[in-house]
Amino acid sequence: QVQLVESGGGSVQAGGSLRLSCVVSVEHDGDRRYQMGWFRATSETERDERELVAIIAADGTTGYQGSVKGRFTISKDKDNDGYMLYLQMNSLRPEDAAMYYCAGSGPSGPINRLSPAWSFLAWGQGTQVTVSS
């Protein structure tokens, strides 16, 4: 079982930066081979319809939604209990405002395409990001 807890959301002005963090706790070492990622939603969106922001595979390869490429960076650090997953967000725009969710237990293997939300089985509770113009 994978558990995820996000932090780091807040309010910034357009052009500002935020760094989101997610504590990813894994129960089995095999859980480390699955993709993890960040998704976002702006309303009472069904979980499976959340918008992909960025994903990272076990081998460190990454994938990004087009509107965040060059502005956001996903990264991870391994620790004894699992991982720390990060999302560095620079040059924030009002349209980036949303609830951001950390996701785990995604597809295994390298990133060949942008994995949809329904392919991730573990989710955090979300952290709110507000961007004012």
N, C-alpha and C. Protein backbone atom coordinates (compact mmCIF):
# COMPACT_ATOMS: atom_id res chain seq x y z
N GLN A 1 0.84 -1.18 0.00
CA GLN A 1 0.00 0.00 0.00
C GLN A 1 0.89 1.24 0.00
N VAL A 2 0.55 2.21 -0.82
CA VAL A 2 1.31 3.45 -0.92
C VAL A 2 0.49 4.58 -0.31
N GLN A 3 1.11 5.37 0.54
CA GLN A 3 0.44 6.52 1.15
C GLN A 3 1.18 7.79 0.76
N LEU A 4 0.40 8.85 0.49
CA LEU A 4 0.98 10.10 0.01
C LEU A 4 0.40 11.27 0.79
N VAL A 5 1.26 12.21 1.18
CA VAL A 5 0.84 13.41 1.89
C VAL A 5 1.54 14.62 1.26
N GLU A 6 0.74 15.55 0.72
CA GLU A 6 1.29 16.72 0.06
C GLU A 6 1.45 17.89 1.04
N SER A 7 2.33 18.82 0.66
CA SER A 7 2.48 20.09 1.38
C SER A 7 3.12 21.10 0.43
N GLY A 8 3.09 22.36 0.83
CA GLY A 8 3.80 23.39 0.07
C GLY A 8 2.93 24.30 -0.75
N GLY A 9 1.62 24.06 -0.78
CA GLY A 9 0.75 24.95 -1.51
C GLY A 9 0.67 26.31 -0.84
N GLY A 10 0.06 27.26 -1.51
CA GLY A 10 -0.09 28.60 -0.96
C GLY A 10 -0.54 29.58 -2.01
N SER A 11 -0.43 30.87 -1.67
CA SER A 11 -0.84 31.94 -2.58
C SER A 11 0.38 32.73 -3.03
N VAL A 12 0.47 32.96 -4.32
CA VAL A 12 1.56 33.74 -4.88
C VAL A 12 1.00 34.66 -5.97
N GLN A 13 1.79 35.66 -6.31
CA GLN A 13 1.44 36.51 -7.45
C GLN A 13 1.96 35.87 -8.73
N ALA A 14 1.34 36.24 -9.84
CA ALA A 14 1.78 35.74 -11.13
C ALA A 14 3.26 36.05 -11.32
N GLY A 15 3.98 35.06 -11.84
CA GLY A 15 5.42 35.18 -12.00
C GLY A 15 6.21 34.60 -10.85
N GLY A 16 5.53 34.32 -9.75
CA GLY A 16 6.19 33.79 -8.58
C GLY A 16 6.44 32.29 -8.67
N SER A 17 6.98 31.73 -7.58
CA SER A 17 7.35 30.32 -7.53
C SER A 17 6.81 29.66 -6.27
N LEU A 18 6.57 28.38 -6.38
CA LEU A 18 6.22 27.53 -5.24
C LEU A 18 6.87 26.17 -5.44
N ARG A 19 7.15 25.50 -4.33
CA ARG A 19 7.66 24.14 -4.39
C ARG A 19 6.73 23.23 -3.61
N LEU A 20 6.11 22.29 -4.29
CA LEU A 20 5.25 21.32 -3.64
C LEU A 20 6.08 20.09 -3.26
N SER A 21 5.74 19.52 -2.11
CA SER A 21 6.41 18.31 -1.64
C SER A 21 5.38 17.23 -1.36
N CYS A 22 5.77 16.00 -1.49
CA CYS A 22 4.89 14.87 -1.21
C CYS A 22 5.70 13.76 -0.55
N VAL A 23 5.28 13.36 0.65
CA VAL A 23 5.89 12.22 1.32
C VAL A 23 5.22 10.97 0.79
N VAL A 24 5.98 10.10 0.15
CA VAL A 24 5.45 8.87 -0.44
C VAL A 24 5.97 7.70 0.38
N SER A 25 5.09 7.05 1.11
CA SER A 25 5.46 5.90 1.93
C SER A 25 5.04 4.62 1.22
N VAL A 26 5.99 3.71 1.05
CA VAL A 26 5.69 2.44 0.37
C VAL A 26 5.81 1.30 1.36
N GLU A 27 4.94 0.31 1.18
CA GLU A 27 4.93 -0.84 2.08
C GLU A 27 5.84 -1.95 1.58
N HIS A 28 5.92 -2.07 0.25
CA HIS A 28 6.73 -3.12 -0.34
C HIS A 28 7.76 -2.51 -1.28
N ASP A 29 8.93 -3.08 -1.31
CA ASP A 29 9.98 -2.53 -2.15
C ASP A 29 9.57 -2.52 -3.62
N GLY A 30 8.72 -3.46 -4.00
CA GLY A 30 8.26 -3.51 -5.38
C GLY A 30 7.46 -2.29 -5.78
N ASP A 31 6.90 -1.58 -4.80
CA ASP A 31 6.13 -0.37 -5.10
C ASP A 31 6.99 0.73 -5.69
N ARG A 32 8.28 0.59 -5.56
CA ARG A 32 9.19 1.64 -6.04
C ARG A 32 9.29 1.66 -7.56
N ARG A 33 8.78 0.62 -8.25
CA ARG A 33 8.97 0.55 -9.69
C ARG A 33 7.86 1.23 -10.49
N TYR A 34 6.92 1.84 -9.79
CA TYR A 34 5.79 2.45 -10.48
C TYR A 34 5.97 3.95 -10.63
N GLN A 35 5.31 4.50 -11.65
CA GLN A 35 5.37 5.93 -11.88
C GLN A 35 4.68 6.70 -10.76
N MET A 36 5.18 7.91 -10.52
CA MET A 36 4.55 8.85 -9.59
C MET A 36 4.33 10.16 -10.34
N GLY A 37 3.47 11.00 -9.81
CA GLY A 37 3.23 12.23 -10.55
C GLY A 37 2.44 13.25 -9.78
N TRP A 38 2.24 14.38 -10.42
CA TRP A 38 1.42 15.47 -9.91
C TRP A 38 0.29 15.74 -10.90
N PHE A 39 -0.91 15.87 -10.36
CA PHE A 39 -2.08 16.19 -11.14
C PHE A 39 -2.76 17.39 -10.49
N ARG A 40 -3.68 18.02 -11.21
CA ARG A 40 -4.40 19.15 -10.63
C ARG A 40 -5.84 19.16 -11.09
N ALA A 41 -6.66 19.86 -10.29
CA ALA A 41 -8.08 19.98 -10.60
C ALA A 41 -8.56 21.33 -10.10
N THR A 42 -9.49 21.95 -10.84
CA THR A 42 -9.96 23.28 -10.49
C THR A 42 -11.38 23.29 -9.96
N SER A 43 -12.04 22.16 -9.91
CA SER A 43 -13.41 22.10 -9.41
C SER A 43 -13.64 20.70 -8.84
N GLU A 44 -14.86 20.37 -8.63
CA GLU A 44 -15.16 19.04 -8.10
C GLU A 44 -15.03 18.01 -9.23
N THR A 45 -13.81 17.91 -9.73
CA THR A 45 -13.54 17.00 -10.84
C THR A 45 -13.41 15.57 -10.33
N GLU A 46 -13.95 14.66 -11.09
CA GLU A 46 -13.76 13.25 -10.75
C GLU A 46 -12.27 12.93 -10.75
N ARG A 47 -11.87 12.04 -9.84
CA ARG A 47 -10.45 11.72 -9.71
C ARG A 47 -9.85 11.30 -11.04
N ASP A 48 -10.52 10.47 -11.78
CA ASP A 48 -9.98 9.95 -13.04
C ASP A 48 -9.86 11.02 -14.13
N GLU A 49 -10.42 12.20 -13.89
CA GLU A 49 -10.38 13.25 -14.91
C GLU A 49 -9.44 14.39 -14.53
N ARG A 50 -8.69 14.19 -13.45
CA ARG A 50 -7.74 15.23 -13.05
C ARG A 50 -6.70 15.42 -14.15
N GLU A 51 -6.21 16.66 -14.24
CA GLU A 51 -5.29 17.04 -15.32
C GLU A 51 -3.86 16.69 -14.94
N LEU A 52 -3.19 15.98 -15.81
CA LEU A 52 -1.78 15.65 -15.57
C LEU A 52 -0.94 16.92 -15.61
N VAL A 53 -0.03 17.04 -14.67
CA VAL A 53 0.94 18.14 -14.66
C VAL A 53 2.32 17.60 -15.03
N ALA A 54 2.78 16.60 -14.28
CA ALA A 54 4.10 16.01 -14.52
C ALA A 54 4.15 14.62 -13.91
N ILE A 55 4.90 13.73 -14.54
CA ILE A 55 5.08 12.39 -14.02
C ILE A 55 6.55 12.01 -14.08
N ILE A 56 6.92 11.04 -13.23
CA ILE A 56 8.30 10.58 -13.20
C ILE A 56 8.30 9.07 -13.02
N ALA A 57 9.15 8.40 -13.78
CA ALA A 57 9.23 6.95 -13.71
C ALA A 57 10.32 6.52 -12.73
N ALA A 58 10.36 5.22 -12.44
CA ALA A 58 11.37 4.69 -11.52
C ALA A 58 12.78 4.98 -12.02
N ASP A 59 12.96 4.99 -13.35
CA ASP A 59 14.30 5.23 -13.90
C ASP A 59 14.64 6.72 -13.99
N GLY A 60 13.72 7.58 -13.52
CA GLY A 60 13.98 9.01 -13.48
C GLY A 60 13.53 9.78 -14.70
N THR A 61 13.04 9.08 -15.72
CA THR A 61 12.53 9.80 -16.89
C THR A 61 11.26 10.53 -16.51
N THR A 62 11.02 11.65 -17.17
CA THR A 62 9.91 12.53 -16.81
C THR A 62 9.03 12.85 -18.01
N GLY A 63 7.81 13.29 -17.71
CA GLY A 63 6.90 13.75 -18.74
C GLY A 63 6.11 14.93 -18.21
N TYR A 64 5.80 15.88 -19.06
CA TYR A 64 5.12 17.10 -18.64
C TYR A 64 3.98 17.44 -19.59
N GLN A 65 2.95 18.03 -19.01
CA GLN A 65 1.90 18.63 -19.82
C GLN A 65 2.52 19.82 -20.56
N GLY A 66 2.05 20.08 -21.77
CA GLY A 66 2.67 21.11 -22.60
C GLY A 66 2.72 22.49 -21.98
N SER A 67 1.66 22.89 -21.26
CA SER A 67 1.60 24.26 -20.74
C SER A 67 2.58 24.51 -19.59
N VAL A 68 3.15 23.46 -19.00
CA VAL A 68 4.07 23.65 -17.88
C VAL A 68 5.51 23.37 -18.24
N LYS A 69 5.75 22.87 -19.44
CA LYS A 69 7.13 22.57 -19.85
C LYS A 69 7.98 23.83 -19.79
N GLY A 70 9.17 23.66 -19.22
CA GLY A 70 10.08 24.79 -19.08
C GLY A 70 9.82 25.65 -17.86
N ARG A 71 8.68 25.45 -17.20
CA ARG A 71 8.35 26.22 -15.99
C ARG A 71 8.33 25.34 -14.75
N PHE A 72 7.86 24.11 -14.87
CA PHE A 72 7.74 23.19 -13.74
C PHE A 72 8.78 22.09 -13.88
N THR A 73 9.25 21.60 -12.72
CA THR A 73 10.20 20.50 -12.70
C THR A 73 9.79 19.50 -11.64
N ILE A 74 9.64 18.24 -12.04
CA ILE A 74 9.33 17.17 -11.10
C ILE A 74 10.63 16.45 -10.75
N SER A 75 10.76 16.08 -9.47
CA SER A 75 11.95 15.35 -9.04
C SER A 75 11.59 14.48 -7.86
N LYS A 76 12.49 13.57 -7.50
CA LYS A 76 12.24 12.69 -6.37
C LYS A 76 13.55 12.37 -5.67
N ASP A 77 13.44 12.11 -4.38
CA ASP A 77 14.55 11.64 -3.57
C ASP A 77 14.11 10.38 -2.86
N LYS A 78 14.99 9.39 -2.82
CA LYS A 78 14.68 8.13 -2.17
C LYS A 78 15.03 8.21 -0.70
N ASP A 79 14.17 7.67 0.16
CA ASP A 79 14.55 7.53 1.57
C ASP A 79 14.15 6.15 2.05
N ASN A 80 14.36 5.86 3.32
CA ASN A 80 14.16 4.50 3.84
C ASN A 80 12.71 4.03 3.72
N ASP A 81 11.76 4.95 3.90
CA ASP A 81 10.35 4.57 3.90
C ASP A 81 9.70 4.68 2.52
N GLY A 82 10.39 5.29 1.58
CA GLY A 82 9.78 5.47 0.26
C GLY A 82 10.49 6.56 -0.50
N TYR A 83 9.76 7.67 -0.73
CA TYR A 83 10.31 8.77 -1.51
C TYR A 83 9.82 10.11 -0.98
N MET A 84 10.55 11.15 -1.38
CA MET A 84 10.03 12.50 -1.37
C MET A 84 9.85 12.87 -2.83
N LEU A 85 8.66 13.30 -3.18
CA LEU A 85 8.36 13.75 -4.54
C LEU A 85 8.16 15.25 -4.52
N TYR A 86 8.77 15.94 -5.47
CA TYR A 86 8.70 17.40 -5.50
C TYR A 86 8.17 17.91 -6.83
N LEU A 87 7.59 19.09 -6.78
CA LEU A 87 7.21 19.81 -7.99
C LEU A 87 7.63 21.27 -7.80
N GLN A 88 8.69 21.66 -8.49
CA GLN A 88 9.12 23.05 -8.47
C GLN A 88 8.36 23.80 -9.55
N MET A 89 7.63 24.84 -9.15
CA MET A 89 6.79 25.59 -10.08
C MET A 89 7.30 27.02 -10.16
N ASN A 90 7.77 27.41 -11.31
CA ASN A 90 8.27 28.77 -11.55
C ASN A 90 7.38 29.48 -12.56
N SER A 91 7.52 30.80 -12.61
CA SER A 91 6.74 31.61 -13.56
C SER A 91 5.27 31.24 -13.53
N LEU A 92 4.71 31.18 -12.34
CA LEU A 92 3.32 30.76 -12.19
C LEU A 92 2.36 31.75 -12.85
N ARG A 93 1.31 31.20 -13.40
CA ARG A 93 0.27 31.97 -14.09
C ARG A 93 -1.05 31.77 -13.37
N PRO A 94 -1.98 32.72 -13.52
CA PRO A 94 -3.29 32.53 -12.89
C PRO A 94 -3.96 31.22 -13.29
N GLU A 95 -3.74 30.77 -14.49
CA GLU A 95 -4.36 29.52 -14.94
C GLU A 95 -3.74 28.28 -14.30
N ASP A 96 -2.64 28.44 -13.57
CA ASP A 96 -2.05 27.32 -12.83
C ASP A 96 -2.74 27.11 -11.49
N ALA A 97 -3.59 28.04 -11.07
CA ALA A 97 -4.27 27.91 -9.79
C ALA A 97 -5.17 26.68 -9.79
N ALA A 98 -5.04 25.85 -8.78
CA ALA A 98 -5.79 24.60 -8.71
C ALA A 98 -5.46 23.89 -7.41
N MET A 99 -6.16 22.81 -7.16
CA MET A 99 -5.77 21.86 -6.12
C MET A 99 -4.80 20.88 -6.77
N TYR A 100 -3.63 20.73 -6.19
CA TYR A 100 -2.61 19.85 -6.74
C TYR A 100 -2.56 18.56 -5.93
N TYR A 101 -2.54 17.44 -6.64
CA TYR A 101 -2.55 16.13 -6.02
C TYR A 101 -1.29 15.34 -6.39
N CYS A 102 -0.73 14.70 -5.40
CA CYS A 102 0.37 13.77 -5.60
C CYS A 102 -0.24 12.39 -5.88
N ALA A 103 0.32 11.66 -6.84
CA ALA A 103 -0.22 10.36 -7.21
C ALA A 103 0.90 9.33 -7.29
N GLY A 104 0.58 8.10 -6.90
CA GLY A 104 1.54 7.01 -6.97
C GLY A 104 0.89 5.74 -7.49
N SER A 105 1.67 4.67 -7.50
CA SER A 105 1.18 3.39 -8.02
C SER A 105 0.62 3.55 -9.43
N GLY A 106 1.39 4.26 -10.26
CA GLY A 106 1.01 4.42 -11.65
C GLY A 106 1.54 3.27 -12.48
N PRO A 107 1.58 3.44 -13.79
CA PRO A 107 2.12 2.39 -14.66
C PRO A 107 3.58 2.07 -14.33
N SER A 108 4.00 0.86 -14.62
CA SER A 108 5.40 0.50 -14.41
C SER A 108 6.17 0.78 -15.69
N GLY A 109 7.51 0.78 -15.58
CA GLY A 109 8.34 0.96 -16.75
C GLY A 109 8.58 2.42 -17.09
N PRO A 110 9.30 2.67 -18.16
CA PRO A 110 9.62 4.05 -18.56
C PRO A 110 8.39 4.76 -19.10
N ILE A 111 8.50 6.08 -19.23
CA ILE A 111 7.39 6.88 -19.71
C ILE A 111 7.40 6.89 -21.24
N ASN A 112 6.40 6.24 -21.83
CA ASN A 112 6.26 6.23 -23.28
C ASN A 112 5.17 7.20 -23.74
N ARG A 113 4.29 7.53 -22.83
CA ARG A 113 3.23 8.49 -23.11
C ARG A 113 2.85 9.14 -21.79
N LEU A 114 2.05 10.19 -21.83
CA LEU A 114 1.60 10.85 -20.60
C LEU A 114 0.48 10.02 -19.99
N SER A 115 0.79 9.37 -18.88
CA SER A 115 -0.15 8.46 -18.25
C SER A 115 -1.35 9.21 -17.68
N PRO A 116 -2.56 8.77 -17.96
CA PRO A 116 -3.75 9.46 -17.47
C PRO A 116 -3.99 9.21 -15.99
N ALA A 117 -4.84 10.03 -15.39
CA ALA A 117 -5.10 9.94 -13.96
C ALA A 117 -5.65 8.58 -13.56
N TRP A 118 -6.49 7.99 -14.41
CA TRP A 118 -7.12 6.72 -14.03
C TRP A 118 -6.10 5.60 -13.87
N SER A 119 -4.88 5.77 -14.40
CA SER A 119 -3.87 4.72 -14.30
C SER A 119 -3.06 4.79 -13.01
N PHE A 120 -3.37 5.75 -12.14
CA PHE A 120 -2.70 5.88 -10.83
C PHE A 120 -3.66 5.44 -9.74
N LEU A 121 -3.21 4.59 -8.84
CA LEU A 121 -4.08 3.98 -7.86
C LEU A 121 -4.01 4.59 -6.47
N ALA A 122 -2.98 5.36 -6.20
CA ALA A 122 -2.80 5.95 -4.87
C ALA A 122 -2.74 7.46 -5.00
N TRP A 123 -3.46 8.15 -4.09
CA TRP A 123 -3.58 9.60 -4.17
C TRP A 123 -3.45 10.25 -2.80
N GLY A 124 -2.89 11.46 -2.79
CA GLY A 124 -2.91 12.27 -1.59
C GLY A 124 -4.19 13.08 -1.52
N GLN A 125 -4.31 13.90 -0.47
CA GLN A 125 -5.52 14.69 -0.25
C GLN A 125 -5.51 16.02 -1.01
N GLY A 126 -4.35 16.43 -1.48
CA GLY A 126 -4.26 17.66 -2.27
C GLY A 126 -3.75 18.84 -1.48
N THR A 127 -3.16 19.78 -2.18
CA THR A 127 -2.70 21.03 -1.59
C THR A 127 -3.07 22.16 -2.56
N GLN A 128 -3.64 23.24 -2.01
CA GLN A 128 -4.19 24.30 -2.84
C GLN A 128 -3.12 25.29 -3.28
N VAL A 129 -3.14 25.64 -4.57
CA VAL A 129 -2.26 26.66 -5.12
C VAL A 129 -3.13 27.78 -5.69
N THR A 130 -2.90 29.01 -5.23
CA THR A 130 -3.63 30.18 -5.70
C THR A 130 -2.63 31.15 -6.33
N VAL A 131 -2.95 31.63 -7.53
CA VAL A 131 -2.07 32.56 -8.23
C VAL A 131 -2.88 33.80 -8.59
N SER A 132 -2.47 34.93 -8.08
CA SER A 132 -3.18 36.18 -8.35
C SER A 132 -2.48 36.96 -9.45
N SER A 133 -3.28 37.65 -10.26
CA SER A 133 -2.71 38.40 -11.38
C SER A 133 -2.35 39.82 -10.98
